[in-house]
């Protein structure tokens, strides 16, 4: 999909072209997480323990990322999912920051940092996509 091409639902937004536009679009907290690879504090995010049905979208561009049916309680303080809606909606990158080796998860459309994926999740995938609430928007109208 082209960066500024909307989906049929019309909920996907244009992707800012530069840092100035990102700063205008996002709150300072969102900018820190999505554009500077920050992390919100555990147990503080809006979706850390929520159980509403719907589709979780990227807060940066509106791309559909996770279905609430794949969300589970991980006890970590961040919303966790065992798989993305489709494999192509996120990208995985090696992250060697903070003196550890992790796998960063970014939105494939706009490149926003979402969180990290670990191999200690439940079946059927064994993966735990540990996302920042502030990087997501829950669309309860999708289901």
C-alpha atoms as a PDB file:
ATOM      1  CA  UNK A   1       0.000   0.000   0.000  1.00  0.00           C
ATOM      2  CA  UNK A   2       1.278   3.468  -0.817  1.00  0.00           C
ATOM      3  CA  UNK A   3       2.057   5.644   2.232  1.00  0.00           C
ATOM      4  CA  UNK A   4      -0.850   8.053   1.713  1.00  0.00           C
ATOM      5  CA  UNK A   5      -3.376   5.708   0.128  1.00  0.00           C
ATOM      6  CA  UNK A   6      -6.414   5.108   2.379  1.00  0.00           C
ATOM      7  CA  UNK A   7      -7.848   1.649   2.951  1.00  0.00           C
ATOM      8  CA  UNK A   8     -11.414   0.911   1.958  1.00  0.00           C
ATOM      9  CA  UNK A   9     -12.504   1.605   5.548  1.00  0.00           C
ATOM     10  CA  UNK A  10     -11.177   5.149   5.280  1.00  0.00           C
ATOM     11  CA  UNK A  11      -9.634   4.906   8.762  1.00  0.00           C
ATOM     12  CA  UNK A  12      -6.020   4.767   7.602  1.00  0.00           C
ATOM     13  CA  UNK A  13      -4.556   8.245   7.704  1.00  0.00           C
ATOM     14  CA  UNK A  14      -1.813   9.857   5.701  1.00  0.00           C
ATOM     15  CA  UNK A  15       1.711   9.304   6.958  1.00  0.00           C
ATOM     16  CA  UNK A  16       3.593  12.460   7.952  1.00  0.00           C
ATOM     17  CA  UNK A  17       6.393  13.255   5.528  1.00  0.00           C
ATOM     18  CA  UNK A  18       8.895  14.636   8.028  1.00  0.00           C
ATOM     19  CA  UNK A  19       9.725  15.050  11.698  1.00  0.00           C
ATOM     20  CA  UNK A  20       7.914  18.391  11.982  1.00  0.00           C
ATOM     21  CA  UNK A  21       4.670  16.814  10.762  1.00  0.00           C
ATOM     22  CA  UNK A  22       5.070  13.885  13.185  1.00  0.00           C
ATOM     23  CA  UNK A  23       5.532  16.316  16.081  1.00  0.00           C
ATOM     24  CA  UNK A  24       2.389  18.211  15.047  1.00  0.00           C
ATOM     25  CA  UNK A  25       0.345  15.009  14.696  1.00  0.00           C
ATOM     26  CA  UNK A  26       1.362  13.177  17.887  1.00  0.00           C
ATOM     27  CA  UNK A  27       1.270  14.118  21.553  1.00  0.00           C
ATOM     28  CA  UNK A  28       4.726  14.459  23.161  1.00  0.00           C
ATOM     29  CA  UNK A  29       4.229  11.054  24.845  1.00  0.00           C
ATOM     30  CA  UNK A  30       3.204   9.404  21.569  1.00  0.00           C
ATOM     31  CA  UNK A  31       6.117  11.008  19.747  1.00  0.00           C
ATOM     32  CA  UNK A  32       8.564   9.674  22.340  1.00  0.00           C
ATOM     33  CA  UNK A  33       7.297   6.094  21.957  1.00  0.00           C
ATOM     34  CA  UNK A  34       6.439   5.944  18.256  1.00  0.00           C
ATOM     35  CA  UNK A  35       9.288   8.015  16.810  1.00  0.00           C
ATOM     36  CA  UNK A  36      12.041   7.780  19.461  1.00  0.00           C
ATOM     37  CA  UNK A  37      11.565   4.091  20.392  1.00  0.00           C
ATOM     38  CA  UNK A  38      10.503   4.972  23.924  1.00  0.00           C
ATOM     39  CA  UNK A  39       8.468   2.817  26.299  1.00  0.00           C
ATOM     40  CA  UNK A  40       5.536   3.786  28.471  1.00  0.00           C
ATOM     41  CA  UNK A  41       5.655   2.772  32.117  1.00  0.00           C
ATOM     42  CA  UNK A  42       4.124  -0.656  32.836  1.00  0.00           C
ATOM     43  CA  UNK A  43       0.516  -0.813  34.056  1.00  0.00           C
ATOM     44  CA  UNK A  44      -0.155   2.799  32.987  1.00  0.00           C
ATOM     45  CA  UNK A  45      -1.437   2.377  29.437  1.00  0.00           C
ATOM     46  CA  UNK A  46      -5.106   2.461  28.459  1.00  0.00           C
ATOM     47  CA  UNK A  47      -5.033  -1.066  27.018  1.00  0.00           C
ATOM     48  CA  UNK A  48      -2.788  -2.808  29.556  1.00  0.00           C
ATOM     49  CA  UNK A  49      -5.675  -4.701  31.145  1.00  0.00           C
ATOM     50  CA  UNK A  50      -8.654  -3.893  28.912  1.00  0.00           C
ATOM     51  CA  UNK A  51     -10.772  -6.618  27.360  1.00  0.00           C
ATOM     52  CA  UNK A  52     -12.919  -4.746  24.823  1.00  0.00           C
ATOM     53  CA  UNK A  53     -13.527  -6.443  21.484  1.00  0.00           C
ATOM     54  CA  UNK A  54     -12.202  -4.777  18.365  1.00  0.00           C
ATOM     55  CA  UNK A  55      -9.214  -4.110  16.182  1.00  0.00           C
ATOM     56  CA  UNK A  56      -6.100  -2.384  17.490  1.00  0.00           C
ATOM     57  CA  UNK A  57      -4.691   0.114  14.993  1.00  0.00           C
ATOM     58  CA  UNK A  58      -1.379   1.956  14.760  1.00  0.00           C
ATOM     59  CA  UNK A  59      -1.701   5.347  16.489  1.00  0.00           C
ATOM     60  CA  UNK A  60       0.632   6.800  13.873  1.00  0.00           C
ATOM     61  CA  UNK A  61      -1.186   5.877  10.675  1.00  0.00           C
ATOM     62  CA  UNK A  62      -4.329   3.863  11.512  1.00  0.00           C
ATOM     63  CA  UNK A  63      -3.177   0.566  10.016  1.00  0.00           C
ATOM     64  CA  UNK A  64      -4.976  -2.469  11.475  1.00  0.00           C
ATOM     65  CA  UNK A  65      -2.428  -4.394  13.576  1.00  0.00           C
ATOM     66  CA  UNK A  66      -4.009  -6.768  16.130  1.00  0.00           C
ATOM     67  CA  UNK A  67      -7.389  -8.393  16.755  1.00  0.00           C
ATOM     68  CA  UNK A  68      -8.565  -8.333  20.374  1.00  0.00           C
ATOM     69  CA  UNK A  69      -9.194 -12.087  20.163  1.00  0.00           C
ATOM     70  CA  UNK A  70      -5.396 -12.577  20.219  1.00  0.00           C
ATOM     71  CA  UNK A  71      -4.877 -10.366  23.300  1.00  0.00           C
ATOM     72  CA  UNK A  72      -3.944 -12.093  26.557  1.00  0.00           C
ATOM     73  CA  UNK A  73      -2.926 -11.214  30.107  1.00  0.00           C
ATOM     74  CA  UNK A  74       0.857 -11.508  30.264  1.00  0.00           C
ATOM     75  CA  UNK A  75       1.316  -9.902  33.671  1.00  0.00           C
ATOM     76  CA  UNK A  76       3.923  -7.541  32.218  1.00  0.00           C
ATOM     77  CA  UNK A  77       1.903  -4.311  32.407  1.00  0.00           C
ATOM     78  CA  UNK A  78       1.639  -3.828  28.643  1.00  0.00           C
ATOM     79  CA  UNK A  79      -1.007  -5.113  26.237  1.00  0.00           C
ATOM     80  CA  UNK A  80       0.149  -8.439  24.804  1.00  0.00           C
ATOM     81  CA  UNK A  81      -0.983 -10.344  21.718  1.00  0.00           C
ATOM     82  CA  UNK A  82       0.071 -13.750  20.434  1.00  0.00           C
ATOM     83  CA  UNK A  83       0.021 -12.701  16.760  1.00  0.00           C
ATOM     84  CA  UNK A  84      -0.586  -9.696  14.523  1.00  0.00           C
ATOM     85  CA  UNK A  85      -3.686  -9.455  12.361  1.00  0.00           C
ATOM     86  CA  UNK A  86      -1.508 -10.352   9.363  1.00  0.00           C
ATOM     87  CA  UNK A  87       2.264 -10.947   9.302  1.00  0.00           C
ATOM     88  CA  UNK A  88       2.851  -8.151   6.802  1.00  0.00           C
ATOM     89  CA  UNK A  89       1.404  -5.375   8.977  1.00  0.00           C
ATOM     90  CA  UNK A  90       4.406  -5.296  11.329  1.00  0.00           C
ATOM     91  CA  UNK A  91       8.138  -5.478  10.771  1.00  0.00           C
ATOM     92  CA  UNK A  92      10.679  -7.006  13.130  1.00  0.00           C
ATOM     93  CA  UNK A  93      14.125  -5.534  13.809  1.00  0.00           C
ATOM     94  CA  UNK A  94      17.023  -6.592  16.002  1.00  0.00           C
ATOM     95  CA  UNK A  95      17.294  -4.293  19.028  1.00  0.00           C
ATOM     96  CA  UNK A  96      20.533  -4.313  21.036  1.00  0.00           C
ATOM     97  CA  UNK A  97      19.687  -1.305  23.224  1.00  0.00           C
ATOM     98  CA  UNK A  98      19.707  -1.365  27.029  1.00  0.00           C
ATOM     99  CA  UNK A  99      22.466  -4.009  27.053  1.00  0.00           C
ATOM    100  CA  UNK A 100      20.136  -6.778  25.895  1.00  0.00           C
ATOM    101  CA  UNK A 101      19.105  -8.439  22.666  1.00  0.00           C
ATOM    102  CA  UNK A 102      15.424  -8.054  21.785  1.00  0.00           C
ATOM    103  CA  UNK A 103      13.241  -7.929  18.700  1.00  0.00           C
ATOM    104  CA  UNK A 104      11.603  -4.562  18.062  1.00  0.00           C
ATOM    105  CA  UNK A 105       8.170  -4.421  16.412  1.00  0.00           C
ATOM    106  CA  UNK A 106       7.353  -1.502  14.099  1.00  0.00           C
ATOM    107  CA  UNK A 107       4.368  -0.637  11.924  1.00  0.00           C
ATOM    108  CA  UNK A 108       5.176  -1.788   8.388  1.00  0.00           C
ATOM    109  CA  UNK A 109       3.342   1.190   6.894  1.00  0.00           C
ATOM    110  CA  UNK A 110       4.715   4.168   8.827  1.00  0.00           C
ATOM    111  CA  UNK A 111       7.699   2.724  10.714  1.00  0.00           C
ATOM    112  CA  UNK A 112       6.390   3.687  14.143  1.00  0.00           C
ATOM    113  CA  UNK A 113       7.824   1.811  17.125  1.00  0.00           C
ATOM    114  CA  UNK A 114       5.120  -0.339  18.726  1.00  0.00           C
ATOM    115  CA  UNK A 115       7.005  -2.493  21.239  1.00  0.00           C
ATOM    116  CA  UNK A 116       8.845  -5.826  21.222  1.00  0.00           C
ATOM    117  CA  UNK A 117       8.100  -9.486  20.528  1.00  0.00           C
ATOM    118  CA  UNK A 118       9.292 -12.339  22.742  1.00  0.00           C
ATOM    119  CA  UNK A 119       9.126 -16.127  22.420  1.00  0.00           C
ATOM    120  CA  UNK A 120       7.392 -16.740  25.760  1.00  0.00           C
ATOM    121  CA  UNK A 121       3.767 -16.337  24.687  1.00  0.00           C
ATOM    122  CA  UNK A 122       0.853 -18.772  24.681  1.00  0.00           C
ATOM    123  CA  UNK A 123      -0.171 -21.257  22.026  1.00  0.00           C
ATOM    124  CA  UNK A 124      -0.848 -21.359  19.179  1.00  0.00           C
ATOM    125  CA  UNK A 125       2.190 -19.195  18.272  1.00  0.00           C
ATOM    126  CA  UNK A 126       4.309 -19.109  21.428  1.00  0.00           C
ATOM    127  CA  UNK A 127       4.911 -15.400  20.752  1.00  0.00           C
ATOM    128  CA  UNK A 128       4.201 -12.400  22.971  1.00  0.00           C
ATOM    129  CA  UNK A 129       3.844  -9.125  21.100  1.00  0.00           C
ATOM    130  CA  UNK A 130       4.317  -6.737  24.022  1.00  0.00           C
ATOM    131  CA  UNK A 131       3.004  -3.393  22.757  1.00  0.00           C
ATOM    132  CA  UNK A 132       2.826   0.122  24.158  1.00  0.00           C
ATOM    133  CA  UNK A 133      -0.802   1.190  24.672  1.00  0.00           C
ATOM    134  CA  UNK A 134       0.053   4.694  23.485  1.00  0.00           C
ATOM    135  CA  UNK A 135       1.153   3.243  20.131  1.00  0.00           C
ATOM    136  CA  UNK A 136      -2.303   1.709  19.591  1.00  0.00           C
ATOM    137  CA  UNK A 137      -5.889   2.839  19.073  1.00  0.00           C
ATOM    138  CA  UNK A 138      -8.743   0.399  19.687  1.00  0.00           C
ATOM    139  CA  UNK A 139     -11.458   0.477  17.047  1.00  0.00           C
ATOM    140  CA  UNK A 140     -14.458  -1.254  18.624  1.00  0.00           C
ATOM    141  CA  UNK A 141     -16.548  -0.840  15.458  1.00  0.00           C
ATOM    142  CA  UNK A 142     -14.512  -3.340  13.453  1.00  0.00           C
ATOM    143  CA  UNK A 143     -16.004  -6.540  14.862  1.00  0.00           C
END
